[in-house]
Amino acid sequence: GYLSADAFGSMQETPPWNASAGASGAIAGLSLVFWWVIIRLVGWIRYKATHVKAQEGDRDSELAFAVYKAWEARVEAAENEAAAFSIGLVLTQTVRFGICGKPQHIHGVQKNPHSSQINQLLFFGLACGLFIWFFKFLSRKFGHYADKIRRGLDLACAMSAFTMAWSLHYWGRWRFWYATMNKGLIGGGDVMTGQIVMAMFFSTVLSMVILALFRLRSSMATPDNVELVTILITAFNILIGLAWQTCFQTANEQVVGHLLEESSHKAYGRSAIGAVLCIIVAPAWFIYILPNSYFYEKELALFEEIKNKFMEEAKAGEEGQAAEEPASAAPASS
């Protein structure tokens, strides 16, 4: 998802796509077509490789099919999130182009001296939040008519959430430098210090928002409302991640810029630092974060629920069969 976002976002900064907001918006359509092809292709491969059919009366095959459908639903959600992350950036960049009248870089220091433009981006992000509810409402009303309709509306809902996250991300960076008159709270305008201060501030505020949403979700009874709040939580988690990603990226650029001179060496240096960070972070994420994630726990609980349900039905069937055997044997003995 991030590689696609970086690729399409960089395309928007190059000719002929940087000529106008409309040309920049064409990249959004291109990225949507790209992800539609990827999702269809991966779905076809997944169906051919792992599809499970339930045989009527066979408890094992029915259990396997139920677990497969639960796993497939989670895979589809992950695909929607990856696509929405990329498309959300492209849409946000198009809107920023339209607001400012010129192409906006996806990386680097984000400063804007016009308060009205900063507010416009905020209003756009909040409007995307309303579209999350709108598309989820449509999914509840019309998603049962066809699986493709449901999948398309779920993707649109995810796109709204991630576009909101990207918009609020750039709005926050614009607002921070504008409010501090390009000096930052501390550091006298040092970019690295400013990025860290922003990340810490956003993490603190958004963590409180996420905790409030967790409490709200635990009090909800309907699965649709729970899923809606979960989408918001995911968007705010992405927003925190983007804030810290900016810090790491700035540090990477500054270290490489001070140590290396040639552009090719800088590219290799940035890639090497990124690879080292992945090697360090990935095992910790897999061992400590993934097992405690909400979706992981939800999938385990769902698997246990399905398993217990089939075991209870099988046990009830065996007890019923055992009760019928003495009744059928009594007339024969008489």
C-alpha atoms as a PDB file:
ATOM      1  CA  GLY A   1       0.000   0.000   0.000  1.00  0.00           C
ATOM      2  CA  TYR A   2       2.727   2.475   0.933  1.00  0.00           C
ATOM      3  CA  LEU A   3       4.806   1.702  -2.164  1.00  0.00           C
ATOM      4  CA  SER A   4       1.754   2.310  -4.349  1.00  0.00           C
ATOM      5  CA  ALA A   5       0.969   5.542  -2.504  1.00  0.00           C
ATOM      6  CA  ASP A   6       4.530   6.790  -2.923  1.00  0.00           C
ATOM      7  CA  ALA A   7       4.579   5.852  -6.625  1.00  0.00           C
ATOM      8  CA  PHE A   8       1.264   7.477  -7.552  1.00  0.00           C
ATOM      9  CA  GLY A   9       1.945  10.480  -5.296  1.00  0.00           C
ATOM     10  CA  SER A  10       5.290  11.042  -7.021  1.00  0.00           C
ATOM     11  CA  MET A  11       3.593  10.794 -10.426  1.00  0.00           C
ATOM     12  CA  GLN A  12       1.356  13.699  -9.469  1.00  0.00           C
ATOM     13  CA  GLU A  13       4.439  15.887  -9.049  1.00  0.00           C
ATOM     14  CA  THR A  14       5.788  15.184 -12.561  1.00  0.00           C
ATOM     15  CA  PRO A  15       4.634  16.375 -16.015  1.00  0.00           C
ATOM     16  CA  PRO A  16       2.051  16.217 -17.422  1.00  0.00           C
ATOM     17  CA  TRP A  17       0.158  15.387 -14.231  1.00  0.00           C
ATOM     18  CA  ASN A  18       1.344  18.498 -12.374  1.00  0.00           C
ATOM     19  CA  ALA A  19      -0.163  20.856 -14.949  1.00  0.00           C
ATOM     20  CA  SER A  20      -3.543  21.171 -13.229  1.00  0.00           C
ATOM     21  CA  ALA A  21      -5.663  19.760 -10.428  1.00  0.00           C
ATOM     22  CA  GLY A  22      -7.728  17.872 -13.008  1.00  0.00           C
ATOM     23  CA  ALA A  23      -4.636  16.184 -14.433  1.00  0.00           C
ATOM     24  CA  SER A  24      -3.527  15.353 -10.905  1.00  0.00           C
ATOM     25  CA  GLY A  25      -6.969  13.893 -10.203  1.00  0.00           C
ATOM     26  CA  ALA A  26      -6.583  11.595 -13.210  1.00  0.00           C
ATOM     27  CA  ILE A  27      -3.923   9.754 -11.186  1.00  0.00           C
ATOM     28  CA  ALA A  28      -6.632   9.003  -8.622  1.00  0.00           C
ATOM     29  CA  GLY A  29      -8.641   7.253 -11.329  1.00  0.00           C
ATOM     30  CA  LEU A  30      -5.537   5.425 -12.488  1.00  0.00           C
ATOM     31  CA  SER A  31      -4.753   4.234  -8.965  1.00  0.00           C
ATOM     32  CA  LEU A  32      -8.356   3.080  -8.520  1.00  0.00           C
ATOM     33  CA  VAL A  33      -8.166   1.019 -11.737  1.00  0.00           C
ATOM     34  CA  PHE A  34      -4.784  -0.366 -10.660  1.00  0.00           C
ATOM     35  CA  TRP A  35      -6.106  -1.552  -7.317  1.00  0.00           C
ATOM     36  CA  TRP A  36      -9.295  -2.927  -8.855  1.00  0.00           C
ATOM     37  CA  VAL A  37      -7.157  -5.110 -11.145  1.00  0.00           C
ATOM     38  CA  ILE A  38      -4.920  -6.171  -8.242  1.00  0.00           C
ATOM     39  CA  ILE A  39      -7.874  -7.051  -6.005  1.00  0.00           C
ATOM     40  CA  ARG A  40      -9.604  -9.042  -8.744  1.00  0.00           C
ATOM     41  CA  LEU A  41      -6.417 -10.898  -9.668  1.00  0.00           C
ATOM     42  CA  VAL A  42      -5.491 -11.727  -6.075  1.00  0.00           C
ATOM     43  CA  GLY A  43      -9.077 -12.762  -5.359  1.00  0.00           C
ATOM     44  CA  TRP A  44      -9.063 -15.142  -8.322  1.00  0.00           C
ATOM     45  CA  ILE A  45      -5.739 -16.667  -7.244  1.00  0.00           C
ATOM     46  CA  ARG A  46      -6.976 -17.002  -3.663  1.00  0.00           C
ATOM     47  CA  TYR A  47     -10.170 -18.705  -4.843  1.00  0.00           C
ATOM     48  CA  LYS A  48      -8.289 -21.205  -6.986  1.00  0.00           C
ATOM     49  CA  ALA A  49      -5.692 -21.960  -4.333  1.00  0.00           C
ATOM     50  CA  THR A  50      -7.665 -22.045  -1.096  1.00  0.00           C
ATOM     51  CA  HIS A  51     -11.402 -22.210  -1.830  1.00  0.00           C
ATOM     52  CA  VAL A  52     -13.255 -24.602   0.470  1.00  0.00           C
ATOM     53  CA  LYS A  53     -16.694 -26.055  -0.264  1.00  0.00           C
ATOM     54  CA  ALA A  54     -19.122 -27.251   2.371  1.00  0.00           C
ATOM     55  CA  GLN A  55     -20.677 -30.677   1.888  1.00  0.00           C
ATOM     56  CA  GLU A  56     -24.150 -30.965   3.368  1.00  0.00           C
ATOM     57  CA  GLY A  57     -24.175 -33.251   6.365  1.00  0.00           C
ATOM     58  CA  ASP A  58     -20.379 -33.293   6.700  1.00  0.00           C
ATOM     59  CA  ARG A  59     -19.570 -31.438   9.914  1.00  0.00           C
ATOM     60  CA  ASP A  60     -15.852 -31.176   9.209  1.00  0.00           C
ATOM     61  CA  SER A  61     -16.336 -29.606   5.780  1.00  0.00           C
ATOM     62  CA  GLU A  62     -18.975 -27.221   7.121  1.00  0.00           C
ATOM     63  CA  LEU A  63     -16.632 -26.159   9.919  1.00  0.00           C
ATOM     64  CA  ALA A  64     -13.772 -25.666   7.454  1.00  0.00           C
ATOM     65  CA  PHE A  65     -16.023 -23.616   5.151  1.00  0.00           C
ATOM     66  CA  ALA A  66     -17.183 -21.348   7.998  1.00  0.00           C
ATOM     67  CA  VAL A  67     -13.600 -20.717   9.097  1.00  0.00           C
ATOM     68  CA  TYR A  68     -12.588 -20.085   5.468  1.00  0.00           C
ATOM     69  CA  LYS A  69     -15.303 -17.448   5.024  1.00  0.00           C
ATOM     70  CA  ALA A  70     -14.210 -15.692   8.218  1.00  0.00           C
ATOM     71  CA  TRP A  71     -10.598 -15.701   6.997  1.00  0.00           C
ATOM     72  CA  GLU A  72     -11.630 -14.466   3.542  1.00  0.00           C
ATOM     73  CA  ALA A  73     -13.544 -11.555   5.069  1.00  0.00           C
ATOM     74  CA  ARG A  74     -10.438 -10.455   6.974  1.00  0.00           C
ATOM     75  CA  VAL A  75      -8.267 -10.764   3.853  1.00  0.00           C
ATOM     76  CA  GLU A  76     -10.720  -8.603   1.911  1.00  0.00           C
ATOM     77  CA  ALA A  77     -10.612  -5.995   4.688  1.00  0.00           C
ATOM     78  CA  ALA A  78      -6.798  -5.952   4.485  1.00  0.00           C
ATOM     79  CA  GLU A  79      -6.967  -5.513   0.698  1.00  0.00           C
ATOM     80  CA  ASN A  80      -9.420  -2.640   1.104  1.00  0.00           C
ATOM     81  CA  GLU A  81      -7.114  -0.941   3.605  1.00  0.00           C
ATOM     82  CA  ALA A  82      -4.053  -1.276   1.345  1.00  0.00           C
ATOM     83  CA  ALA A  83      -5.950   0.152  -1.633  1.00  0.00           C
ATOM     84  CA  ALA A  84      -7.553   2.914   0.436  1.00  0.00           C
ATOM     85  CA  PHE A  85      -4.189   3.967   1.877  1.00  0.00           C
ATOM     86  CA  SER A  86      -2.818   4.576  -1.620  1.00  0.00           C
ATOM     87  CA  ILE A  87      -5.933   6.104  -3.167  1.00  0.00           C
ATOM     88  CA  GLY A  88      -6.495   8.270  -0.084  1.00  0.00           C
ATOM     89  CA  LEU A  89      -3.103   9.956  -0.520  1.00  0.00           C
ATOM     90  CA  VAL A  90      -3.734  10.633  -4.214  1.00  0.00           C
ATOM     91  CA  LEU A  91      -7.148  12.151  -3.511  1.00  0.00           C
ATOM     92  CA  THR A  92      -5.713  14.310  -0.741  1.00  0.00           C
ATOM     93  CA  GLN A  93      -2.921  15.529  -3.017  1.00  0.00           C
ATOM     94  CA  THR A  94      -5.478  16.426  -5.682  1.00  0.00           C
ATOM     95  CA  VAL A  95      -7.497  18.440  -3.188  1.00  0.00           C
ATOM     96  CA  ARG A  96      -4.367  20.178  -1.875  1.00  0.00           C
ATOM     97  CA  PHE A  97      -3.477  21.060  -5.467  1.00  0.00           C
ATOM     98  CA  GLY A  98      -6.933  22.541  -5.958  1.00  0.00           C
ATOM     99  CA  ILE A  99      -6.741  24.511  -2.704  1.00  0.00           C
ATOM    100  CA  CYS A 100      -3.234  25.931  -3.247  1.00  0.00           C
ATOM    101  CA  GLY A 101      -3.280  26.200  -7.036  1.00  0.00           C
ATOM    102  CA  LYS A 102       0.030  24.369  -7.435  1.00  0.00           C
ATOM    103  CA  PRO A 103       1.386  20.835  -6.901  1.00  0.00           C
ATOM    104  CA  GLN A 104       2.138  19.869  -3.314  1.00  0.00           C
ATOM    105  CA  HIS A 105       5.019  17.591  -2.364  1.00  0.00           C
ATOM    106  CA  ILE A 106       4.142  14.424  -0.447  1.00  0.00           C
ATOM    107  CA  HIS A 107       7.439  14.533   1.487  1.00  0.00           C
ATOM    108  CA  GLY A 108       9.456  17.253   3.115  1.00  0.00           C
ATOM    109  CA  VAL A 109       8.443  20.110   5.410  1.00  0.00           C
ATOM    110  CA  GLN A 110       4.789  21.049   4.958  1.00  0.00           C
ATOM    111  CA  LYS A 111       4.254  24.789   5.421  1.00  0.00           C
ATOM    112  CA  ASN A 112       1.429  27.028   4.234  1.00  0.00           C
ATOM    113  CA  PRO A 113       1.220  30.767   5.054  1.00  0.00           C
ATOM    114  CA  HIS A 114      -2.507  31.022   4.255  1.00  0.00           C
ATOM    115  CA  SER A 115      -4.859  30.219   7.137  1.00  0.00           C
ATOM    116  CA  SER A 116      -7.883  29.998   4.832  1.00  0.00           C
ATOM    117  CA  GLN A 117      -6.266  27.227   2.784  1.00  0.00           C
ATOM    118  CA  ILE A 118      -5.369  25.346   5.959  1.00  0.00           C
ATOM    119  CA  ASN A 119      -8.987  25.541   7.107  1.00  0.00           C
ATOM    120  CA  GLN A 120     -10.258  24.327   3.729  1.00  0.00           C
ATOM    121  CA  LEU A 121      -8.168  21.175   4.046  1.00  0.00           C
ATOM    122  CA  LEU A 122      -9.567  20.616   7.540  1.00  0.00           C
ATOM    123  CA  PHE A 123     -13.145  20.925   6.259  1.00  0.00           C
ATOM    124  CA  PHE A 124     -12.371  18.445   3.487  1.00  0.00           C
ATOM    125  CA  GLY A 125     -11.009  15.934   6.017  1.00  0.00           C
ATOM    126  CA  LEU A 126     -14.092  16.287   8.211  1.00  0.00           C
ATOM    127  CA  ALA A 127     -16.331  15.848   5.156  1.00  0.00           C
ATOM    128  CA  CYS A 128     -14.536  12.571   4.417  1.00  0.00           C
ATOM    129  CA  GLY A 129     -15.434  11.498   7.952  1.00  0.00           C
ATOM    130  CA  LEU A 130     -19.108  12.016   7.106  1.00  0.00           C
ATOM    131  CA  PHE A 131     -18.687   9.933   3.958  1.00  0.00           C
ATOM    132  CA  ILE A 132     -17.516   7.027   6.114  1.00  0.00           C
ATOM    133  CA  TRP A 133     -20.938   6.914   7.744  1.00  0.00           C
ATOM    134  CA  PHE A 134     -22.680   7.489   4.388  1.00  0.00           C
ATOM    135  CA  PHE A 135     -21.003   4.562   2.600  1.00  0.00           C
ATOM    136  CA  LYS A 136     -21.444   2.295   5.613  1.00  0.00           C
ATOM    137  CA  PHE A 137     -25.158   3.171   5.585  1.00  0.00           C
ATOM    138  CA  LEU A 138     -25.359   2.280   1.883  1.00  0.00           C
ATOM    139  CA  SER A 139     -23.530  -0.990   2.560  1.00  0.00           C
ATOM    140  CA  ARG A 140     -26.107  -1.936   5.192  1.00  0.00           C
ATOM    141  CA  LYS A 141     -29.010  -1.047   2.888  1.00  0.00           C
ATOM    142  CA  PHE A 142     -27.821  -2.487  -0.427  1.00  0.00           C
ATOM    143  CA  GLY A 143     -24.826  -4.687   0.291  1.00  0.00           C
ATOM    144  CA  HIS A 144     -26.959  -7.834   0.589  1.00  0.00           C
ATOM    145  CA  TYR A 145     -28.113  -7.607  -3.035  1.00  0.00           C
ATOM    146  CA  ALA A 146     -24.740  -8.634  -4.482  1.00  0.00           C
ATOM    147  CA  ASP A 147     -21.304  -9.371  -3.115  1.00  0.00           C
ATOM    148  CA  LYS A 148     -19.666  -6.953  -5.569  1.00  0.00           C
ATOM    149  CA  ILE A 149     -21.908  -4.114  -4.394  1.00  0.00           C
ATOM    150  CA  ARG A 150     -21.004  -4.817  -0.775  1.00  0.00           C
ATOM    151  CA  ARG A 151     -17.293  -5.012  -1.593  1.00  0.00           C
ATOM    152  CA  GLY A 152     -17.383  -1.767  -3.577  1.00  0.00           C
ATOM    153  CA  LEU A 153     -19.161   0.123  -0.788  1.00  0.00           C
ATOM    154  CA  ASP A 154     -16.782  -1.268   1.834  1.00  0.00           C
ATOM    155  CA  LEU A 155     -13.847  -0.094  -0.301  1.00  0.00           C
ATOM    156  CA  ALA A 156     -15.432   3.349  -0.659  1.00  0.00           C
ATOM    157  CA  CYS A 157     -15.872   3.479   3.121  1.00  0.00           C
ATOM    158  CA  ALA A 158     -12.205   2.607   3.654  1.00  0.00           C
ATOM    159  CA  MET A 159     -11.151   5.180   1.038  1.00  0.00           C
ATOM    160  CA  SER A 160     -13.106   7.870   2.895  1.00  0.00           C
ATOM    161  CA  ALA A 161     -11.439   6.914   6.185  1.00  0.00           C
ATOM    162  CA  PHE A 162      -7.904   6.932   4.809  1.00  0.00           C
ATOM    163  CA  THR A 163      -8.477  10.128   2.817  1.00  0.00           C
ATOM    164  CA  MET A 164      -9.612  11.710   6.070  1.00  0.00           C
ATOM    165  CA  ALA A 165      -6.426  10.458   7.756  1.00  0.00           C
ATOM    166  CA  TRP A 166      -4.150  11.853   5.023  1.00  0.00           C
ATOM    167  CA  SER A 167      -6.010  15.176   4.981  1.00  0.00           C
ATOM    168  CA  LEU A 168      -5.788  15.606   8.745  1.00  0.00           C
ATOM    169  CA  HIS A 169      -2.128  14.605   8.592  1.00  0.00           C
ATOM    170  CA  TYR A 170      -1.223  17.386   6.171  1.00  0.00           C
ATOM    171  CA  TRP A 171      -3.605  19.817   7.865  1.00  0.00           C
ATOM    172  CA  GLY A 172      -1.871  19.209  11.196  1.00  0.00           C
ATOM    173  CA  ARG A 173       1.559  19.834   9.731  1.00  0.00           C
ATOM    174  CA  TRP A 174       0.387  22.982   7.991  1.00  0.00           C
ATOM    175  CA  ARG A 175      -1.324  24.239  11.144  1.00  0.00           C
ATOM    176  CA  PHE A 176       1.672  23.479  13.390  1.00  0.00           C
ATOM    177  CA  TRP A 177       4.157  25.531  11.394  1.00  0.00           C
ATOM    178  CA  TYR A 178       1.616  28.319  10.820  1.00  0.00           C
ATOM    179  CA  ALA A 179       0.700  28.555  14.518  1.00  0.00           C
ATOM    180  CA  THR A 180       4.360  28.642  15.589  1.00  0.00           C
ATOM    181  CA  MET A 181       5.345  31.119  12.840  1.00  0.00           C
ATOM    182  CA  ASN A 182       7.667  28.508  11.302  1.00  0.00           C
ATOM    183  CA  LYS A 183       9.728  28.307  14.510  1.00  0.00           C
ATOM    184  CA  GLY A 184       8.215  25.236  16.177  1.00  0.00           C
ATOM    185  CA  LEU A 185       7.468  25.055  19.886  1.00  0.00           C
ATOM    186  CA  ILE A 186      11.131  24.390  20.660  1.00  0.00           C
ATOM    187  CA  GLY A 187      14.330  24.176  18.631  1.00  0.00           C
ATOM    188  CA  GLY A 188      14.141  27.580  16.946  1.00  0.00           C
ATOM    189  CA  GLY A 189      12.695  26.226  13.706  1.00  0.00           C
ATOM    190  CA  ASP A 190      14.796  23.062  13.458  1.00  0.00           C
ATOM    191  CA  VAL A 191      12.908  20.668  11.196  1.00  0.00           C
ATOM    192  CA  MET A 192      13.811  17.448  13.014  1.00  0.00           C
ATOM    193  CA  THR A 193      12.843  18.890  16.393  1.00  0.00           C
ATOM    194  CA  GLY A 194       9.585  20.190  14.968  1.00  0.00           C
ATOM    195  CA  GLN A 195       8.696  16.794  13.482  1.00  0.00           C
ATOM    196  CA  ILE A 196       9.272  15.079  16.835  1.00  0.00           C
ATOM    197  CA  VAL A 197       7.187  17.661  18.700  1.00  0.00           C
ATOM    198  CA  MET A 198       4.356  17.241  16.178  1.00  0.00           C
ATOM    199  CA  ALA A 199       4.483  13.453  16.418  1.00  0.00           C
ATOM    200  CA  MET A 200       4.395  13.518  20.230  1.00  0.00           C
ATOM    201  CA  PHE A 201       1.538  16.020  20.304  1.00  0.00           C
ATOM    202  CA  PHE A 202      -0.550  14.167  17.708  1.00  0.00           C
ATOM    203  CA  SER A 203       0.134  10.826  19.402  1.00  0.00           C
ATOM    204  CA  THR A 204      -1.059  12.158  22.763  1.00  0.00           C
ATOM    205  CA  VAL A 205      -4.257  13.724  21.430  1.00  0.00           C
ATOM    206  CA  LEU A 206      -5.158  10.877  19.083  1.00  0.00           C
ATOM    207  CA  SER A 207      -4.436   8.231  21.724  1.00  0.00           C
ATOM    208  CA  MET A 208      -7.077   9.826  23.940  1.00  0.00           C
ATOM    209  CA  VAL A 209      -9.493   9.921  21.014  1.00  0.00           C
ATOM    210  CA  ILE A 210      -8.831   6.243  20.242  1.00  0.00           C
ATOM    211  CA  LEU A 211      -9.359   5.226  23.885  1.00  0.00           C
ATOM    212  CA  ALA A 212     -12.685   7.088  23.853  1.00  0.00           C
ATOM    213  CA  LEU A 213     -13.683   5.263  20.657  1.00  0.00           C
ATOM    214  CA  PHE A 214     -12.740   1.926  22.232  1.00  0.00           C
ATOM    215  CA  ARG A 215     -15.078   2.656  25.147  1.00  0.00           C
ATOM    216  CA  LEU A 216     -17.790   3.696  22.704  1.00  0.00           C
ATOM    217  CA  ARG A 217     -17.353   0.506  20.677  1.00  0.00           C
ATOM    218  CA  SER A 218     -17.599  -1.723  23.741  1.00  0.00           C
ATOM    219  CA  SER A 219     -20.988  -0.197  24.564  1.00  0.00           C
ATOM    220  CA  MET A 220     -22.455  -0.808  21.099  1.00  0.00           C
ATOM    221  CA  ALA A 221     -24.720  -3.758  20.415  1.00  0.00           C
ATOM    222  CA  THR A 222     -25.019  -3.902  16.620  1.00  0.00           C
ATOM    223  CA  PRO A 223     -22.095  -5.283  14.544  1.00  0.00           C
ATOM    224  CA  ASP A 224     -22.506  -2.541  11.917  1.00  0.00           C
ATOM    225  CA  ASN A 225     -21.925   0.226  14.458  1.00  0.00           C
ATOM    226  CA  VAL A 226     -18.976  -1.653  15.918  1.00  0.00           C
ATOM    227  CA  GLU A 227     -17.453  -1.931  12.443  1.00  0.00           C
ATOM    228  CA  LEU A 228     -18.019   1.774  11.794  1.00  0.00           C
ATOM    229  CA  VAL A 229     -16.177   2.777  14.969  1.00  0.00           C
ATOM    230  CA  THR A 230     -13.427   0.273  14.157  1.00  0.00           C
ATOM    231  CA  ILE A 231     -12.870   2.007  10.814  1.00  0.00           C
ATOM    232  CA  LEU A 232     -12.451   5.333  12.620  1.00  0.00           C
ATOM    233  CA  ILE A 233      -9.986   3.757  15.053  1.00  0.00           C
ATOM    234  CA  THR A 234      -7.983   2.376  12.122  1.00  0.00           C
ATOM    235  CA  ALA A 235      -7.877   5.815  10.470  1.00  0.00           C
ATOM    236  CA  PHE A 236      -6.604   7.498  13.641  1.00  0.00           C
ATOM    237  CA  ASN A 237      -4.026   4.748  14.138  1.00  0.00           C
ATOM    238  CA  ILE A 238      -2.790   5.422  10.606  1.00  0.00           C
ATOM    239  CA  LEU A 239      -2.647   9.129  11.453  1.00  0.00           C
ATOM    240  CA  ILE A 240      -0.336   8.432  14.402  1.00  0.00           C
ATOM    241  CA  GLY A 241       1.785   6.177  12.212  1.00  0.00           C
ATOM    242  CA  LEU A 242       2.107   8.874   9.549  1.00  0.00           C
ATOM    243  CA  ALA A 243       3.296  11.391  12.136  1.00  0.00           C
ATOM    244  CA  TRP A 244       6.125   9.124  13.297  1.00  0.00           C
ATOM    245  CA  GLN A 245       6.898   7.981   9.759  1.00  0.00           C
ATOM    246  CA  THR A 246       7.600  11.617   8.949  1.00  0.00           C
ATOM    247  CA  CYS A 247      10.086  11.758  11.830  1.00  0.00           C
ATOM    248  CA  PHE A 248      11.955   8.671  10.643  1.00  0.00           C
ATOM    249  CA  GLN A 249      11.952   9.923   7.074  1.00  0.00           C
ATOM    250  CA  THR A 250      13.343  13.321   8.088  1.00  0.00           C
ATOM    251  CA  ALA A 251      16.051  11.679  10.177  1.00  0.00           C
ATOM    252  CA  ASN A 252      16.896   9.376   7.290  1.00  0.00           C
ATOM    253  CA  GLU A 253      17.208  12.296   4.879  1.00  0.00           C
ATOM    254  CA  GLN A 254      19.376  14.335   7.235  1.00  0.00           C
ATOM    255  CA  VAL A 255      21.742  11.461   8.078  1.00  0.00           C
ATOM    256  CA  VAL A 256      22.192  10.507   4.426  1.00  0.00           C
ATOM    257  CA  GLY A 257      22.536  14.159   3.373  1.00  0.00           C
ATOM    258  CA  HIS A 258      25.370  14.741   5.829  1.00  0.00           C
ATOM    259  CA  LEU A 259      27.273  11.531   5.098  1.00  0.00           C
ATOM    260  CA  LEU A 260      26.896  11.130   1.335  1.00  0.00           C
ATOM    261  CA  GLU A 261      27.159  13.485  -1.612  1.00  0.00           C
ATOM    262  CA  GLU A 262      26.279  11.683  -4.860  1.00  0.00           C
ATOM    263  CA  SER A 263      22.571  11.180  -5.544  1.00  0.00           C
ATOM    264  CA  SER A 264      22.995   7.478  -6.324  1.00  0.00           C
ATOM    265  CA  HIS A 265      24.829   6.914  -3.048  1.00  0.00           C
ATOM    266  CA  LYS A 266      22.094   8.795  -1.190  1.00  0.00           C
ATOM    267  CA  ALA A 267      19.441   6.546  -2.719  1.00  0.00           C
ATOM    268  CA  TYR A 268      21.340   3.432  -1.652  1.00  0.00           C
ATOM    269  CA  GLY A 269      21.897   4.919   1.795  1.00  0.00           C
ATOM    270  CA  ARG A 270      18.207   5.682   2.331  1.00  0.00           C
ATOM    271  CA  SER A 271      17.298   2.173   1.198  1.00  0.00           C
ATOM    272  CA  ALA A 272      19.881   0.608   3.528  1.00  0.00           C
ATOM    273  CA  ILE A 273      18.637   2.562   6.548  1.00  0.00           C
ATOM    274  CA  GLY A 274      15.040   1.630   5.708  1.00  0.00           C
ATOM    275  CA  ALA A 275      15.968  -2.046   5.414  1.00  0.00           C
ATOM    276  CA  VAL A 276      17.756  -1.998   8.779  1.00  0.00           C
ATOM    277  CA  LEU A 277      14.726  -0.384  10.438  1.00  0.00           C
ATOM    278  CA  CYS A 278      12.454  -3.068   8.958  1.00  0.00           C
ATOM    279  CA  ILE A 279      14.754  -5.837  10.189  1.00  0.00           C
ATOM    280  CA  ILE A 280      14.680  -4.366  13.695  1.00  0.00           C
ATOM    281  CA  VAL A 281      10.965  -3.539  13.869  1.00  0.00           C
ATOM    282  CA  ALA A 282       9.348  -6.455  11.982  1.00  0.00           C
ATOM    283  CA  PRO A 283      10.163  -9.229  14.539  1.00  0.00           C
ATOM    284  CA  ALA A 284       8.926  -7.099  17.445  1.00  0.00           C
ATOM    285  CA  TRP A 285       5.721  -6.318  15.555  1.00  0.00           C
ATOM    286  CA  PHE A 286       5.153  -9.991  14.731  1.00  0.00           C
ATOM    287  CA  ILE A 287       5.897 -11.251  18.253  1.00  0.00           C
ATOM    288  CA  TYR A 288       4.352  -8.565  20.473  1.00  0.00           C
ATOM    289  CA  ILE A 289       1.967  -6.338  18.510  1.00  0.00           C
ATOM    290  CA  LEU A 290       0.182  -8.689  16.110  1.00  0.00           C
ATOM    291  CA  PRO A 291      -0.967 -11.230  18.768  1.00  0.00           C
ATOM    292  CA  ASN A 292      -2.539  -8.387  20.771  1.00  0.00           C
ATOM    293  CA  SER A 293      -4.223  -6.670  17.850  1.00  0.00           C
ATOM    294  CA  TYR A 294      -7.970  -6.303  17.815  1.00  0.00           C
ATOM    295  CA  PHE A 295      -8.502  -8.196  14.558  1.00  0.00           C
ATOM    296  CA  TYR A 296      -6.268 -11.084  15.631  1.00  0.00           C
ATOM    297  CA  GLU A 297      -8.220 -11.545  18.855  1.00  0.00           C
ATOM    298  CA  LYS A 298     -11.484 -11.167  16.946  1.00  0.00           C
ATOM    299  CA  GLU A 299     -10.515 -13.905  14.479  1.00  0.00           C
ATOM    300  CA  LEU A 300      -9.517 -16.290  17.285  1.00  0.00           C
ATOM    301  CA  ALA A 301     -12.788 -15.629  19.104  1.00  0.00           C
ATOM    302  CA  LEU A 302     -14.746 -16.167  15.897  1.00  0.00           C
ATOM    303  CA  PHE A 303     -12.936 -19.433  15.199  1.00  0.00           C
ATOM    304  CA  GLU A 304     -13.668 -20.689  18.720  1.00  0.00           C
ATOM    305  CA  GLU A 305     -17.308 -19.642  18.395  1.00  0.00           C
ATOM    306  CA  ILE A 306     -17.709 -21.493  15.107  1.00  0.00           C
ATOM    307  CA  LYS A 307     -15.896 -24.540  16.462  1.00  0.00           C
ATOM    308  CA  ASN A 308     -18.010 -24.664  19.654  1.00  0.00           C
ATOM    309  CA  LYS A 309     -21.199 -24.257  17.658  1.00  0.00           C
ATOM    310  CA  PHE A 310     -20.416 -27.215  15.423  1.00  0.00           C
ATOM    311  CA  MET A 311     -19.307 -29.330  18.375  1.00  0.00           C
ATOM    312  CA  GLU A 312     -22.559 -28.608  20.229  1.00  0.00           C
ATOM    313  CA  GLU A 313     -24.617 -29.480  17.151  1.00  0.00           C
ATOM    314  CA  ALA A 314     -22.671 -32.692  16.667  1.00  0.00           C
ATOM    315  CA  LYS A 315     -23.106 -33.621  20.319  1.00  0.00           C
ATOM    316  CA  ALA A 316     -26.832 -32.897  20.171  1.00  0.00           C
ATOM    317  CA  GLY A 317     -27.114 -35.080  17.070  1.00  0.00           C
ATOM    318  CA  GLU A 318     -25.304 -37.958  18.751  1.00  0.00           C
ATOM    319  CA  GLU A 319     -27.517 -37.708  21.843  1.00  0.00           C
ATOM    320  CA  GLY A 320     -30.619 -37.679  19.688  1.00  0.00           C
ATOM    321  CA  GLN A 321     -29.422 -40.721  17.780  1.00  0.00           C
ATOM    322  CA  ALA A 322     -28.624 -42.519  21.049  1.00  0.00           C
ATOM    323  CA  ALA A 323     -32.108 -41.769  22.364  1.00  0.00           C
ATOM    324  CA  GLU A 324     -33.721 -43.146  19.207  1.00  0.00           C
ATOM    325  CA  GLU A 325     -31.859 -46.475  19.327  1.00  0.00           C
ATOM    326  CA  PRO A 326     -33.535 -47.827  22.564  1.00  0.00           C
ATOM    327  CA  ALA A 327     -36.929 -46.681  21.298  1.00  0.00           C
ATOM    328  CA  SER A 328     -36.462 -48.550  18.017  1.00  0.00           C
ATOM    329  CA  ALA A 329     -35.105 -51.627  19.804  1.00  0.00           C
ATOM    330  CA  ALA A 330     -38.076 -51.949  22.215  1.00  0.00           C
ATOM    331  CA  PRO A 331     -40.668 -53.128  19.665  1.00  0.00           C
ATOM    332  CA  ALA A 332     -38.206 -55.637  18.233  1.00  0.00           C
ATOM    333  CA  SER A 333     -37.593 -57.228  21.680  1.00  0.00           C
ATOM    334  CA  SER A 334     -41.305 -57.434  22.446  1.00  0.00           C
END
